[in-house]
Each structure stands twice: as C-alpha cells, then as structure tokens.
C-alpha cells in the first residue's frame, strides 16, 4: 500500500476527483492548505491557497492515480503542485476489522 499526497490548485479539484472516481478510487481526504514552491509565491501573497489530497491505494493502483492527478491538474506553469508517494504499512477498517488492502476500497 502507498499513500499518495497531492498538493493542487483549488480550481482543479473537481477534475481530479472525477478522474479518480472513474478509476474506482473514491475514498480520499482533502485539506485546504497554504504554501509555496520554489518560485516563492506571488508577492504580496507569499503563501498561496492550495488543496492537499491524501489517498491510500493498493500498490497496483499507484501509477494510475498519479497519472490521473497529473492529467487533470497540470497546466504547465509554476504552481501546478506536487505529488508525494509514501509507504503505508497497514490499514484497518474500524467498523469491520478488515486489514491491509481489504480495508481500502
């Protein structure tokens, strides 16, 4: 299992969410965040509003999820965002006690 964290523009969220849904990836967590990349933000707004999406997926779905995010959030200009992929050692569905991939989606 992997955790995919994506920082994207707020206005691209619906496109990304719909693309993930088409892949069968419905569970996700979204946070409003502020930050800046290497460009340093746009003065006078040093920190720019973005959304952070967190999705825990099966190993075989990681590349599909990354591709869907890139296809729907890339504009080719600074501020498009960033994707991070982290290992997940286990997942447990509290309601049923299911573990691992069975607890995901």
C-alpha atoms as a PDB file:
ATOM      1  CA  UNK A   1       0.000   0.000   0.000  1.00  0.00           C
ATOM      2  CA  UNK A   2       1.045   3.568  -0.659  1.00  0.00           C
ATOM      3  CA  UNK A   3      -0.185   6.960   0.437  1.00  0.00           C
ATOM      4  CA  UNK A   4      -0.379   9.465  -2.394  1.00  0.00           C
ATOM      5  CA  UNK A   5      -0.338  13.082  -1.254  1.00  0.00           C
ATOM      6  CA  UNK A   6      -1.019  15.726  -3.879  1.00  0.00           C
ATOM      7  CA  UNK A   7      -0.913  19.492  -3.492  1.00  0.00           C
ATOM      8  CA  UNK A   8      -3.007  21.034  -6.277  1.00  0.00           C
ATOM      9  CA  UNK A   9      -4.779  24.235  -7.237  1.00  0.00           C
ATOM     10  CA  UNK A  10      -8.229  24.523  -5.673  1.00  0.00           C
ATOM     11  CA  UNK A  11      -9.857  25.051  -9.075  1.00  0.00           C
ATOM     12  CA  UNK A  12      -8.536  21.696 -10.355  1.00  0.00           C
ATOM     13  CA  UNK A  13     -10.032  19.614  -7.551  1.00  0.00           C
ATOM     14  CA  UNK A  14     -13.308  18.640  -9.238  1.00  0.00           C
ATOM     15  CA  UNK A  15     -11.487  17.417 -12.357  1.00  0.00           C
ATOM     16  CA  UNK A  16      -9.038  15.376 -10.267  1.00  0.00           C
ATOM     17  CA  UNK A  17     -11.802  13.959  -8.036  1.00  0.00           C
ATOM     18  CA  UNK A  18     -13.886  12.901 -11.059  1.00  0.00           C
ATOM     19  CA  UNK A  19     -10.887  11.281 -12.752  1.00  0.00           C
ATOM     20  CA  UNK A  20     -10.125   9.299  -9.592  1.00  0.00           C
ATOM     21  CA  UNK A  21     -13.771   8.237  -9.326  1.00  0.00           C
ATOM     22  CA  UNK A  22     -13.612   6.905 -12.898  1.00  0.00           C
ATOM     23  CA  UNK A  23     -10.698   4.717 -11.761  1.00  0.00           C
ATOM     24  CA  UNK A  24     -12.787   3.403  -8.863  1.00  0.00           C
ATOM     25  CA  UNK A  25     -10.785   5.410  -6.327  1.00  0.00           C
ATOM     26  CA  UNK A  26     -13.496   7.095  -4.263  1.00  0.00           C
ATOM     27  CA  UNK A  27     -12.063   7.317  -0.708  1.00  0.00           C
ATOM     28  CA  UNK A  28      -9.892  10.395  -0.184  1.00  0.00           C
ATOM     29  CA  UNK A  29      -9.190  13.116   2.329  1.00  0.00           C
ATOM     30  CA  UNK A  30      -8.878  16.776   1.344  1.00  0.00           C
ATOM     31  CA  UNK A  31      -7.457  19.690   3.327  1.00  0.00           C
ATOM     32  CA  UNK A  32      -7.266  23.384   2.472  1.00  0.00           C
ATOM     33  CA  UNK A  33      -3.608  24.387   2.808  1.00  0.00           C
ATOM     34  CA  UNK A  34      -1.341  27.336   2.044  1.00  0.00           C
ATOM     35  CA  UNK A  35       2.191  27.102   0.796  1.00  0.00           C
ATOM     36  CA  UNK A  36       4.734  27.998  -1.802  1.00  0.00           C
ATOM     37  CA  UNK A  37       7.024  26.176  -4.134  1.00  0.00           C
ATOM     38  CA  UNK A  38      10.460  27.034  -5.404  1.00  0.00           C
ATOM     39  CA  UNK A  39       9.062  30.101  -7.149  1.00  0.00           C
ATOM     40  CA  UNK A  40       8.464  31.592  -3.682  1.00  0.00           C
ATOM     41  CA  UNK A  41       4.834  32.586  -4.124  1.00  0.00           C
ATOM     42  CA  UNK A  42       3.457  35.624  -5.856  1.00  0.00           C
ATOM     43  CA  UNK A  43       4.049  38.884  -3.995  1.00  0.00           C
ATOM     44  CA  UNK A  44       2.364  40.136  -1.928  1.00  0.00           C
ATOM     45  CA  UNK A  45       0.777  36.728  -1.177  1.00  0.00           C
ATOM     46  CA  UNK A  46       3.849  34.811  -0.071  1.00  0.00           C
ATOM     47  CA  UNK A  47       1.736  31.699   0.691  1.00  0.00           C
ATOM     48  CA  UNK A  48      -0.775  30.570  -1.927  1.00  0.00           C
ATOM     49  CA  UNK A  49      -4.010  28.669  -1.227  1.00  0.00           C
ATOM     50  CA  UNK A  50      -3.979  25.050  -2.419  1.00  0.00           C
ATOM     51  CA  UNK A  51      -5.698  21.767  -1.619  1.00  0.00           C
ATOM     52  CA  UNK A  52      -3.931  18.718  -0.242  1.00  0.00           C
ATOM     53  CA  UNK A  53      -5.416  15.391  -1.288  1.00  0.00           C
ATOM     54  CA  UNK A  54      -4.456  12.218   0.580  1.00  0.00           C
ATOM     55  CA  UNK A  55      -5.306   8.798  -0.841  1.00  0.00           C
ATOM     56  CA  UNK A  56      -4.136   5.389   0.377  1.00  0.00           C
ATOM     57  CA  UNK A  57      -4.106   2.956  -2.546  1.00  0.00           C
ATOM     58  CA  UNK A  58      -3.092  -0.559  -3.432  1.00  0.00           C
ATOM     59  CA  UNK A  59       0.409  -0.787  -4.905  1.00  0.00           C
ATOM     60  CA  UNK A  60      -1.006  -1.741  -8.315  1.00  0.00           C
ATOM     61  CA  UNK A  61      -3.087   1.481  -8.431  1.00  0.00           C
ATOM     62  CA  UNK A  62      -0.337   3.988  -7.603  1.00  0.00           C
ATOM     63  CA  UNK A  63       0.710   4.833 -11.172  1.00  0.00           C
ATOM     64  CA  UNK A  64      -2.912   5.128 -12.361  1.00  0.00           C
ATOM     65  CA  UNK A  65      -3.679   7.546  -9.534  1.00  0.00           C
ATOM     66  CA  UNK A  66      -0.567   9.636 -10.216  1.00  0.00           C
ATOM     67  CA  UNK A  67      -1.358   9.772 -13.943  1.00  0.00           C
ATOM     68  CA  UNK A  68      -4.957  10.866 -13.260  1.00  0.00           C
ATOM     69  CA  UNK A  69      -3.798  13.662 -10.956  1.00  0.00           C
ATOM     70  CA  UNK A  70      -1.193  14.900 -13.417  1.00  0.00           C
ATOM     71  CA  UNK A  71      -3.576  14.777 -16.409  1.00  0.00           C
ATOM     72  CA  UNK A  72      -6.155  16.849 -14.562  1.00  0.00           C
ATOM     73  CA  UNK A  73      -4.004  19.290 -12.576  1.00  0.00           C
ATOM     74  CA  UNK A  74      -1.151  20.089 -14.983  1.00  0.00           C
ATOM     75  CA  UNK A  75      -1.229  23.443 -16.719  1.00  0.00           C
ATOM     76  CA  UNK A  76       2.479  23.612 -17.411  1.00  0.00           C
ATOM     77  CA  UNK A  77       3.082  26.706 -15.317  1.00  0.00           C
ATOM     78  CA  UNK A  78       4.560  27.294 -11.849  1.00  0.00           C
ATOM     79  CA  UNK A  79       2.112  26.481  -9.083  1.00  0.00           C
ATOM     80  CA  UNK A  80       0.682  23.294 -10.607  1.00  0.00           C
ATOM     81  CA  UNK A  81       1.608  21.448  -7.411  1.00  0.00           C
ATOM     82  CA  UNK A  82       3.473  18.386  -6.245  1.00  0.00           C
ATOM     83  CA  UNK A  83       2.812  14.689  -5.621  1.00  0.00           C
ATOM     84  CA  UNK A  84       4.433  12.645  -2.862  1.00  0.00           C
ATOM     85  CA  UNK A  85       4.256   8.851  -2.510  1.00  0.00           C
ATOM     86  CA  UNK A  86       4.859   7.257   0.903  1.00  0.00           C
ATOM     87  CA  UNK A  87       4.801   3.648   2.108  1.00  0.00           C
ATOM     88  CA  UNK A  88       1.854   2.522   4.242  1.00  0.00           C
ATOM     89  CA  UNK A  89       2.492  -0.469   6.466  1.00  0.00           C
ATOM     90  CA  UNK A  90      -1.104  -1.326   7.313  1.00  0.00           C
ATOM     91  CA  UNK A  91      -4.684  -0.102   7.212  1.00  0.00           C
ATOM     92  CA  UNK A  92      -7.539  -1.212   9.437  1.00  0.00           C
ATOM     93  CA  UNK A  93     -11.216  -0.529   8.798  1.00  0.00           C
ATOM     94  CA  UNK A  94     -12.526   0.252  12.295  1.00  0.00           C
ATOM     95  CA  UNK A  95     -16.108  -0.840  11.555  1.00  0.00           C
ATOM     96  CA  UNK A  96     -15.250  -4.379  10.369  1.00  0.00           C
ATOM     97  CA  UNK A  97     -11.687  -5.018  11.487  1.00  0.00           C
ATOM     98  CA  UNK A  98     -10.588  -5.676   7.869  1.00  0.00           C
ATOM     99  CA  UNK A  99      -6.862  -5.150   7.359  1.00  0.00           C
ATOM    100  CA  UNK A 100      -4.479  -4.342   4.543  1.00  0.00           C
ATOM    101  CA  UNK A 101      -5.837  -3.971   1.004  1.00  0.00           C
ATOM    102  CA  UNK A 102      -9.242  -5.241   2.152  1.00  0.00           C
ATOM    103  CA  UNK A 103      -9.636  -2.122   4.285  1.00  0.00           C
ATOM    104  CA  UNK A 104      -9.040   0.333   1.431  1.00  0.00           C
ATOM    105  CA  UNK A 105     -11.839   0.459  -1.140  1.00  0.00           C
END
